[in-house]
């Protein structure tokens, strides 16, 4: 009783198709896909939008952390 069989899911799918129709569901799927693409593009463009001075600061921090780690490894 706690789990749904494949027949339960098929009935739910048929009801959803009858209520919303394939055209509205297709449009909703397209909108969702575009939203995901926009989010991924926004995440990728985040580094490009960073001002050059900030990128230099981030690079210095990364270099500093790498140098510190190399020094610790050399001491061992």
Protein backbone atom coordinates (compact mmCIF):
# COMPACT_ATOMS: atom_id res chain seq x y z
CA UNK A 1 0.00 0.00 0.00
CA UNK A 2 2.94 2.34 0.63
CA UNK A 3 4.45 2.00 -2.84
CA UNK A 4 2.92 2.79 -6.20
CA UNK A 5 2.91 0.23 -8.97
CA UNK A 6 3.40 1.03 -12.63
CA UNK A 7 -0.39 1.01 -13.09
CA UNK A 8 -0.80 3.82 -10.57
CA UNK A 9 1.71 5.96 -12.48
CA UNK A 10 0.05 5.22 -15.82
CA UNK A 11 -3.34 6.29 -14.45
CA UNK A 12 -1.83 9.50 -13.04
CA UNK A 13 -0.17 10.23 -16.39
CA UNK A 14 -3.42 9.71 -18.29
CA UNK A 15 -5.32 11.99 -15.90
CA UNK A 16 -2.66 14.70 -16.19
CA UNK A 17 -2.75 14.46 -20.00
CA UNK A 18 -6.54 14.72 -19.99
CA UNK A 19 -6.57 17.71 -17.64
CA UNK A 20 -3.75 19.75 -19.13
CA UNK A 21 -3.45 18.47 -22.68
CA UNK A 22 -0.27 17.73 -24.59
CA UNK A 23 0.13 21.27 -25.92
CA UNK A 24 0.26 22.85 -22.44
CA UNK A 25 2.55 20.13 -21.11
CA UNK A 26 4.89 20.54 -24.09
CA UNK A 27 5.00 24.30 -23.46
CA UNK A 28 5.69 23.78 -19.75
CA UNK A 29 8.51 21.36 -20.59
CA UNK A 30 10.01 23.82 -23.06
CA UNK A 31 9.85 26.63 -20.48
CA UNK A 32 11.50 24.44 -17.88
CA UNK A 33 14.27 23.47 -20.31
CA UNK A 34 14.95 27.11 -21.20
CA UNK A 35 15.08 28.00 -17.51
CA UNK A 36 17.66 25.29 -16.85
CA UNK A 37 19.74 26.41 -19.84
CA UNK A 38 19.59 30.02 -18.64
CA UNK A 39 20.66 28.99 -15.15
CA UNK A 40 23.63 27.00 -16.48
CA UNK A 41 24.64 29.88 -18.74
CA UNK A 42 24.37 32.29 -15.83
CA UNK A 43 26.60 30.08 -13.71
CA UNK A 44 29.17 29.83 -16.52
CA UNK A 45 29.07 33.57 -17.22
CA UNK A 46 29.56 34.39 -13.54
CA UNK A 47 33.35 34.20 -13.88
CA UNK A 48 33.32 36.34 -17.01
CA UNK A 49 31.31 39.06 -15.26
CA UNK A 50 33.89 39.32 -12.49
CA UNK A 51 35.89 42.54 -12.79
CA UNK A 52 39.55 42.01 -13.83
CA UNK A 53 40.83 43.32 -10.49
CA UNK A 54 38.75 40.77 -8.61
CA UNK A 55 39.95 37.96 -10.90
CA UNK A 56 43.56 38.96 -10.13
CA UNK A 57 42.80 38.84 -6.40
CA UNK A 58 41.26 35.39 -6.79
CA UNK A 59 44.30 34.20 -8.76
CA UNK A 60 46.66 35.51 -6.07
CA UNK A 61 44.66 33.69 -3.38
CA UNK A 62 44.81 30.47 -5.38
CA UNK A 63 48.55 30.86 -5.98
CA UNK A 64 49.11 31.60 -2.30
CA UNK A 65 47.16 28.53 -1.22
CA UNK A 66 49.06 26.36 -3.70
CA UNK A 67 52.42 27.71 -2.49
CA UNK A 68 51.45 27.11 1.13
CA UNK A 69 50.43 23.55 0.33
CA UNK A 70 53.67 22.90 -1.55
CA UNK A 71 55.70 24.26 1.39
CA UNK A 72 53.85 22.00 3.81
CA UNK A 73 54.43 19.00 1.58
CA UNK A 74 58.14 19.85 1.30
CA UNK A 75 58.47 19.96 5.11
CA UNK A 76 57.06 16.44 5.45
